[in-house]
């Protein structure tokens, strides 16, 4: 008779997928990822992908990184990292990236010794937010929160993306012999996605509220 999954997350209509009798929304959307989420305690929790060598993108290829997060912030910590971005001694991997939240709750993207303040506003409010970084190699790198544009920088400030390991919930770096894991994240992460393409803003807004199949074109 009717089916209103209420997956829009925004706007004033809730779609009826059965009979197209859309409902008018006179309430506030609450965003809660549908899948299980990962919680990191800020002390020693992290996830590591040992086969991250297949997650590689050259400095000529477009790139999009996105994920959901929920945190109170308040300290330096890292959401996602395959390197320090050139900010630790002996970390010579130009393809290493680190997406971090500083103690003032600004979000930084670090790569090839560039420290880009991607998000200046404080979103460490213990609510779910969607972060995305879109790198268009012939133009700019642009950050979004919940589909709303934040800060931008020329894309040629960034190099490629790649390392033997990828860590969620902490910062990873290596000097080729020893690995270092620090800046542990305190909060929740979900739906981490890395693309070897620039995602359009419309795609980000549409797909951030839906789970993917895993075989979408460009998904690394």
C-alpha atoms as a PDB file:
ATOM      1  CA  UNK A   1       0.000   0.000   0.000  1.00  0.00           C
ATOM      2  CA  UNK A   2       2.791   2.379   0.894  1.00  0.00           C
ATOM      3  CA  UNK A   3       6.514   2.386   1.673  1.00  0.00           C
ATOM      4  CA  UNK A   4       8.283   5.378   3.189  1.00  0.00           C
ATOM      5  CA  UNK A   5      11.878   4.318   4.076  1.00  0.00           C
ATOM      6  CA  UNK A   6      12.708   7.904   5.138  1.00  0.00           C
ATOM      7  CA  UNK A   7      16.250   7.793   3.775  1.00  0.00           C
ATOM      8  CA  UNK A   8      16.319  11.336   2.386  1.00  0.00           C
ATOM      9  CA  UNK A   9      17.967  12.893   5.426  1.00  0.00           C
ATOM     10  CA  UNK A  10      17.126  16.358   4.127  1.00  0.00           C
ATOM     11  CA  UNK A  11      14.401  18.323   2.416  1.00  0.00           C
ATOM     12  CA  UNK A  12      10.659  18.536   3.001  1.00  0.00           C
ATOM     13  CA  UNK A  13       9.438  15.320   1.330  1.00  0.00           C
ATOM     14  CA  UNK A  14       9.576  11.648   2.344  1.00  0.00           C
ATOM     15  CA  UNK A  15       9.260   9.504  -0.769  1.00  0.00           C
ATOM     16  CA  UNK A  16       6.655   6.773  -1.026  1.00  0.00           C
ATOM     17  CA  UNK A  17       8.447   4.151  -3.123  1.00  0.00           C
ATOM     18  CA  UNK A  18       5.327   2.037  -3.492  1.00  0.00           C
ATOM     19  CA  UNK A  19       2.708   4.500  -4.791  1.00  0.00           C
ATOM     20  CA  UNK A  20       4.540   7.843  -5.127  1.00  0.00           C
ATOM     21  CA  UNK A  21       2.328   9.396  -2.451  1.00  0.00           C
ATOM     22  CA  UNK A  22       5.090  11.435  -0.930  1.00  0.00           C
ATOM     23  CA  UNK A  23       4.713  12.747   2.607  1.00  0.00           C
ATOM     24  CA  UNK A  24       5.413  16.325   3.624  1.00  0.00           C
ATOM     25  CA  UNK A  25       7.976  16.424   6.411  1.00  0.00           C
ATOM     26  CA  UNK A  26       7.164  18.771   9.267  1.00  0.00           C
ATOM     27  CA  UNK A  27       9.938  17.485  11.510  1.00  0.00           C
ATOM     28  CA  UNK A  28      13.716  17.481  11.733  1.00  0.00           C
ATOM     29  CA  UNK A  29      15.741  14.751  10.110  1.00  0.00           C
ATOM     30  CA  UNK A  30      18.050  12.845  12.460  1.00  0.00           C
ATOM     31  CA  UNK A  31      21.042  11.235  10.770  1.00  0.00           C
ATOM     32  CA  UNK A  32      22.060   7.852  12.121  1.00  0.00           C
ATOM     33  CA  UNK A  33      24.034   5.493   9.838  1.00  0.00           C
ATOM     34  CA  UNK A  34      22.086   2.301   9.255  1.00  0.00           C
ATOM     35  CA  UNK A  35      25.011  -0.095   9.436  1.00  0.00           C
ATOM     36  CA  UNK A  36      27.090  -1.003  12.454  1.00  0.00           C
ATOM     37  CA  UNK A  37      29.571   1.704  13.321  1.00  0.00           C
ATOM     38  CA  UNK A  38      33.110   1.570  14.673  1.00  0.00           C
ATOM     39  CA  UNK A  39      33.859   3.221  18.010  1.00  0.00           C
ATOM     40  CA  UNK A  40      37.411   4.302  18.863  1.00  0.00           C
ATOM     41  CA  UNK A  41      38.324   5.018  22.493  1.00  0.00           C
ATOM     42  CA  UNK A  42      40.977   7.669  21.807  1.00  0.00           C
ATOM     43  CA  UNK A  43      43.667   5.684  23.625  1.00  0.00           C
ATOM     44  CA  UNK A  44      44.793   2.673  21.647  1.00  0.00           C
ATOM     45  CA  UNK A  45      41.979   1.683  19.265  1.00  0.00           C
ATOM     46  CA  UNK A  46      42.473   1.685  15.500  1.00  0.00           C
ATOM     47  CA  UNK A  47      41.798  -0.357  12.368  1.00  0.00           C
ATOM     48  CA  UNK A  48      44.573  -1.240   9.938  1.00  0.00           C
ATOM     49  CA  UNK A  49      44.422  -2.446   6.343  1.00  0.00           C
ATOM     50  CA  UNK A  50      47.629  -4.351   5.614  1.00  0.00           C
ATOM     51  CA  UNK A  51      46.887  -4.703   1.889  1.00  0.00           C
ATOM     52  CA  UNK A  52      46.447  -0.979   1.270  1.00  0.00           C
ATOM     53  CA  UNK A  53      48.930  -1.056  -1.604  1.00  0.00           C
ATOM     54  CA  UNK A  54      45.975  -1.633  -3.913  1.00  0.00           C
ATOM     55  CA  UNK A  55      44.454   1.670  -2.732  1.00  0.00           C
ATOM     56  CA  UNK A  56      46.638   3.860  -4.886  1.00  0.00           C
ATOM     57  CA  UNK A  57      46.032   6.969  -6.935  1.00  0.00           C
ATOM     58  CA  UNK A  58      48.727   8.907  -8.794  1.00  0.00           C
ATOM     59  CA  UNK A  59      49.192  12.667  -8.549  1.00  0.00           C
ATOM     60  CA  UNK A  60      47.498  12.942 -11.959  1.00  0.00           C
ATOM     61  CA  UNK A  61      44.330  11.101 -10.905  1.00  0.00           C
ATOM     62  CA  UNK A  62      41.275  12.656  -9.293  1.00  0.00           C
ATOM     63  CA  UNK A  63      40.455  11.523  -5.785  1.00  0.00           C
ATOM     64  CA  UNK A  64      37.529  11.598  -3.351  1.00  0.00           C
ATOM     65  CA  UNK A  65      37.652  10.572   0.318  1.00  0.00           C
ATOM     66  CA  UNK A  66      34.479  10.510   2.406  1.00  0.00           C
ATOM     67  CA  UNK A  67      33.230   9.170   5.729  1.00  0.00           C
ATOM     68  CA  UNK A  68      30.732   9.736   8.536  1.00  0.00           C
ATOM     69  CA  UNK A  69      32.023  10.799  11.949  1.00  0.00           C
ATOM     70  CA  UNK A  70      30.653  11.566  15.408  1.00  0.00           C
ATOM     71  CA  UNK A  71      32.916  12.975  18.103  1.00  0.00           C
ATOM     72  CA  UNK A  72      33.250  15.502  20.902  1.00  0.00           C
ATOM     73  CA  UNK A  73      36.723  16.466  19.686  1.00  0.00           C
ATOM     74  CA  UNK A  74      38.870  18.487  22.044  1.00  0.00           C
ATOM     75  CA  UNK A  75      42.258  16.979  21.208  1.00  0.00           C
ATOM     76  CA  UNK A  76      44.488  16.287  18.241  1.00  0.00           C
ATOM     77  CA  UNK A  77      43.339  13.034  16.625  1.00  0.00           C
ATOM     78  CA  UNK A  78      43.195  11.355  13.246  1.00  0.00           C
ATOM     79  CA  UNK A  79      40.255   9.977  11.288  1.00  0.00           C
ATOM     80  CA  UNK A  80      42.156   8.292   8.441  1.00  0.00           C
ATOM     81  CA  UNK A  81      45.819   8.014   7.543  1.00  0.00           C
ATOM     82  CA  UNK A  82      48.275   6.220   5.282  1.00  0.00           C
ATOM     83  CA  UNK A  83      51.096   8.557   6.298  1.00  0.00           C
ATOM     84  CA  UNK A  84      51.782  11.721   8.261  1.00  0.00           C
ATOM     85  CA  UNK A  85      51.593  13.867   5.150  1.00  0.00           C
ATOM     86  CA  UNK A  86      55.247  14.733   5.567  1.00  0.00           C
ATOM     87  CA  UNK A  87      54.898  16.127   9.093  1.00  0.00           C
ATOM     88  CA  UNK A  88      56.905  13.517  11.006  1.00  0.00           C
ATOM     89  CA  UNK A  89      60.702  13.037  10.803  1.00  0.00           C
ATOM     90  CA  UNK A  90      61.860  10.332   8.405  1.00  0.00           C
ATOM     91  CA  UNK A  91      58.389   9.961   6.832  1.00  0.00           C
ATOM     92  CA  UNK A  92      59.429  10.305   3.216  1.00  0.00           C
ATOM     93  CA  UNK A  93      56.249   8.953   1.589  1.00  0.00           C
ATOM     94  CA  UNK A  94      54.958  11.781  -0.610  1.00  0.00           C
ATOM     95  CA  UNK A  95      51.808   9.724  -1.241  1.00  0.00           C
ATOM     96  CA  UNK A  96      50.904   9.576   2.454  1.00  0.00           C
ATOM     97  CA  UNK A  97      47.790  11.430   3.653  1.00  0.00           C
ATOM     98  CA  UNK A  98      46.413  12.205   7.084  1.00  0.00           C
ATOM     99  CA  UNK A  99      42.931  13.605   7.753  1.00  0.00           C
ATOM    100  CA  UNK A 100      42.948  14.960  11.278  1.00  0.00           C
ATOM    101  CA  UNK A 101      40.952  16.967  13.782  1.00  0.00           C
ATOM    102  CA  UNK A 102      43.024  19.475  15.731  1.00  0.00           C
ATOM    103  CA  UNK A 103      42.487  20.381  19.391  1.00  0.00           C
ATOM    104  CA  UNK A 104      40.393  23.371  18.268  1.00  0.00           C
ATOM    105  CA  UNK A 105      38.179  20.935  16.297  1.00  0.00           C
ATOM    106  CA  UNK A 106      39.196  22.219  12.867  1.00  0.00           C
ATOM    107  CA  UNK A 107      39.697  19.451  10.293  1.00  0.00           C
ATOM    108  CA  UNK A 108      43.066  19.347   8.542  1.00  0.00           C
ATOM    109  CA  UNK A 109      44.112  17.413   5.445  1.00  0.00           C
ATOM    110  CA  UNK A 110      47.855  16.796   5.237  1.00  0.00           C
ATOM    111  CA  UNK A 111      49.847  15.498   2.262  1.00  0.00           C
ATOM    112  CA  UNK A 112      53.269  16.215   0.780  1.00  0.00           C
ATOM    113  CA  UNK A 113      54.015  18.784   3.538  1.00  0.00           C
ATOM    114  CA  UNK A 114      50.817  20.711   2.786  1.00  0.00           C
ATOM    115  CA  UNK A 115      48.583  21.378   5.793  1.00  0.00           C
ATOM    116  CA  UNK A 116      45.154  22.306   4.420  1.00  0.00           C
ATOM    117  CA  UNK A 117      42.552  23.498   6.931  1.00  0.00           C
ATOM    118  CA  UNK A 118      39.651  21.829   5.170  1.00  0.00           C
ATOM    119  CA  UNK A 119      36.954  22.665   7.719  1.00  0.00           C
ATOM    120  CA  UNK A 120      37.216  25.761   9.917  1.00  0.00           C
ATOM    121  CA  UNK A 121      33.847  25.413  11.665  1.00  0.00           C
ATOM    122  CA  UNK A 122      33.447  23.230  14.758  1.00  0.00           C
ATOM    123  CA  UNK A 123      31.459  20.068  13.986  1.00  0.00           C
ATOM    124  CA  UNK A 124      32.623  18.128  17.053  1.00  0.00           C
ATOM    125  CA  UNK A 125      29.160  18.311  18.627  1.00  0.00           C
ATOM    126  CA  UNK A 126      28.577  14.585  19.242  1.00  0.00           C
ATOM    127  CA  UNK A 127      26.238  14.420  16.255  1.00  0.00           C
ATOM    128  CA  UNK A 128      26.760  12.524  13.009  1.00  0.00           C
ATOM    129  CA  UNK A 129      28.348  14.505  10.175  1.00  0.00           C
ATOM    130  CA  UNK A 130      29.496  13.525   6.707  1.00  0.00           C
ATOM    131  CA  UNK A 131      32.957  14.681   5.605  1.00  0.00           C
ATOM    132  CA  UNK A 132      34.155  14.560   2.020  1.00  0.00           C
ATOM    133  CA  UNK A 133      37.206  15.823   0.183  1.00  0.00           C
ATOM    134  CA  UNK A 134      37.037  16.052  -3.608  1.00  0.00           C
ATOM    135  CA  UNK A 135      40.341  16.511  -5.447  1.00  0.00           C
ATOM    136  CA  UNK A 136      39.904  17.728  -9.019  1.00  0.00           C
ATOM    137  CA  UNK A 137      43.477  17.603 -10.328  1.00  0.00           C
ATOM    138  CA  UNK A 138      42.997  20.264 -12.987  1.00  0.00           C
ATOM    139  CA  UNK A 139      41.393  22.672 -10.543  1.00  0.00           C
ATOM    140  CA  UNK A 140      40.852  22.569  -6.779  1.00  0.00           C
ATOM    141  CA  UNK A 141      40.497  20.312  -3.785  1.00  0.00           C
ATOM    142  CA  UNK A 142      37.267  21.074  -1.954  1.00  0.00           C
ATOM    143  CA  UNK A 143      35.960  19.898   1.414  1.00  0.00           C
ATOM    144  CA  UNK A 144      32.302  19.387   2.282  1.00  0.00           C
ATOM    145  CA  UNK A 145      30.441  18.763   5.531  1.00  0.00           C
ATOM    146  CA  UNK A 146      26.968  17.255   5.156  1.00  0.00           C
ATOM    147  CA  UNK A 147      27.069  18.229   1.482  1.00  0.00           C
ATOM    148  CA  UNK A 148      27.803  21.890   2.215  1.00  0.00           C
ATOM    149  CA  UNK A 149      31.018  23.314   0.775  1.00  0.00           C
ATOM    150  CA  UNK A 150      33.679  24.305   3.282  1.00  0.00           C
ATOM    151  CA  UNK A 151      37.221  25.352   2.288  1.00  0.00           C
ATOM    152  CA  UNK A 152      39.096  24.901  -0.968  1.00  0.00           C
ATOM    153  CA  UNK A 153      42.716  24.872  -2.134  1.00  0.00           C
ATOM    154  CA  UNK A 154      44.504  24.408  -5.446  1.00  0.00           C
ATOM    155  CA  UNK A 155      44.806  20.692  -6.141  1.00  0.00           C
ATOM    156  CA  UNK A 156      48.437  20.917  -7.234  1.00  0.00           C
ATOM    157  CA  UNK A 157      49.350  21.291  -3.549  1.00  0.00           C
ATOM    158  CA  UNK A 158      48.690  17.565  -3.191  1.00  0.00           C
ATOM    159  CA  UNK A 159      50.605  14.549  -4.479  1.00  0.00           C
ATOM    160  CA  UNK A 160      49.382  10.970  -5.013  1.00  0.00           C
ATOM    161  CA  UNK A 161      47.588   8.677  -2.580  1.00  0.00           C
ATOM    162  CA  UNK A 162      49.200   5.377  -1.625  1.00  0.00           C
ATOM    163  CA  UNK A 163      51.059   3.437   1.052  1.00  0.00           C
ATOM    164  CA  UNK A 164      51.498  -0.177   2.193  1.00  0.00           C
ATOM    165  CA  UNK A 165      49.014   0.343   5.026  1.00  0.00           C
ATOM    166  CA  UNK A 166      45.891   2.389   5.698  1.00  0.00           C
ATOM    167  CA  UNK A 167      44.755   3.130   9.252  1.00  0.00           C
ATOM    168  CA  UNK A 168      41.362   4.291  10.496  1.00  0.00           C
ATOM    169  CA  UNK A 169      41.133   5.923  13.911  1.00  0.00           C
ATOM    170  CA  UNK A 170      44.797   6.890  14.251  1.00  0.00           C
ATOM    171  CA  UNK A 171      47.756   8.376  12.371  1.00  0.00           C
ATOM    172  CA  UNK A 172      50.098   5.957  10.608  1.00  0.00           C
ATOM    173  CA  UNK A 173      53.615   6.633   9.396  1.00  0.00           C
ATOM    174  CA  UNK A 174      56.683   4.597   8.548  1.00  0.00           C
ATOM    175  CA  UNK A 175      60.346   5.254   7.896  1.00  0.00           C
ATOM    176  CA  UNK A 176      60.604   2.042   5.872  1.00  0.00           C
ATOM    177  CA  UNK A 177      61.674  -0.007   8.878  1.00  0.00           C
ATOM    178  CA  UNK A 178      59.536   0.977  11.852  1.00  0.00           C
ATOM    179  CA  UNK A 179      55.861   1.913  11.889  1.00  0.00           C
ATOM    180  CA  UNK A 180      54.388   4.585  14.142  1.00  0.00           C
ATOM    181  CA  UNK A 181      50.730   4.803  15.144  1.00  0.00           C
ATOM    182  CA  UNK A 182      49.600   7.775  17.218  1.00  0.00           C
ATOM    183  CA  UNK A 183      46.968  10.543  17.485  1.00  0.00           C
ATOM    184  CA  UNK A 184      44.222   8.066  18.312  1.00  0.00           C
ATOM    185  CA  UNK A 185      40.675   9.116  17.457  1.00  0.00           C
ATOM    186  CA  UNK A 186      37.942   9.291  20.078  1.00  0.00           C
ATOM    187  CA  UNK A 187      34.520   8.805  18.538  1.00  0.00           C
ATOM    188  CA  UNK A 188      32.619   6.933  15.851  1.00  0.00           C
ATOM    189  CA  UNK A 189      33.391   6.335  12.167  1.00  0.00           C
ATOM    190  CA  UNK A 190      31.230   4.786   9.469  1.00  0.00           C
ATOM    191  CA  UNK A 191      30.923   4.383   5.688  1.00  0.00           C
ATOM    192  CA  UNK A 192      34.532   5.195   4.774  1.00  0.00           C
ATOM    193  CA  UNK A 193      34.822   5.475   0.990  1.00  0.00           C
ATOM    194  CA  UNK A 194      37.795   6.243  -1.262  1.00  0.00           C
ATOM    195  CA  UNK A 195      37.278   6.901  -4.977  1.00  0.00           C
ATOM    196  CA  UNK A 196      39.767   7.357  -7.816  1.00  0.00           C
ATOM    197  CA  UNK A 197      37.450   9.971  -9.310  1.00  0.00           C
ATOM    198  CA  UNK A 198      36.057  13.360  -8.404  1.00  0.00           C
ATOM    199  CA  UNK A 199      32.553  12.949  -7.070  1.00  0.00           C
ATOM    200  CA  UNK A 200      30.052  15.590  -8.053  1.00  0.00           C
ATOM    201  CA  UNK A 201      28.328  17.449  -5.265  1.00  0.00           C
ATOM    202  CA  UNK A 202      24.977  15.988  -6.336  1.00  0.00           C
ATOM    203  CA  UNK A 203      26.436  12.470  -6.091  1.00  0.00           C
ATOM    204  CA  UNK A 204      27.784  13.180  -2.620  1.00  0.00           C
ATOM    205  CA  UNK A 205      24.449  14.513  -1.398  1.00  0.00           C
ATOM    206  CA  UNK A 206      22.521  11.600  -2.860  1.00  0.00           C
ATOM    207  CA  UNK A 207      24.816   8.731  -1.877  1.00  0.00           C
ATOM    208  CA  UNK A 208      25.871   9.875   1.592  1.00  0.00           C
ATOM    209  CA  UNK A 209      22.507   8.676   2.916  1.00  0.00           C
ATOM    210  CA  UNK A 210      22.638   5.279   1.198  1.00  0.00           C
ATOM    211  CA  UNK A 211      24.803   2.204   1.526  1.00  0.00           C
ATOM    212  CA  UNK A 212      26.727   1.214  -1.591  1.00  0.00           C
ATOM    213  CA  UNK A 213      26.979  -2.203  -3.222  1.00  0.00           C
ATOM    214  CA  UNK A 214      30.791  -2.064  -3.288  1.00  0.00           C
ATOM    215  CA  UNK A 215      31.157  -2.450  -7.059  1.00  0.00           C
ATOM    216  CA  UNK A 216      30.412   1.149  -8.044  1.00  0.00           C
ATOM    217  CA  UNK A 217      32.646   2.604 -10.755  1.00  0.00           C
ATOM    218  CA  UNK A 218      35.641   4.429  -9.315  1.00  0.00           C
ATOM    219  CA  UNK A 219      35.333   2.966  -5.819  1.00  0.00           C
ATOM    220  CA  UNK A 220      38.803   1.846  -4.752  1.00  0.00           C
END
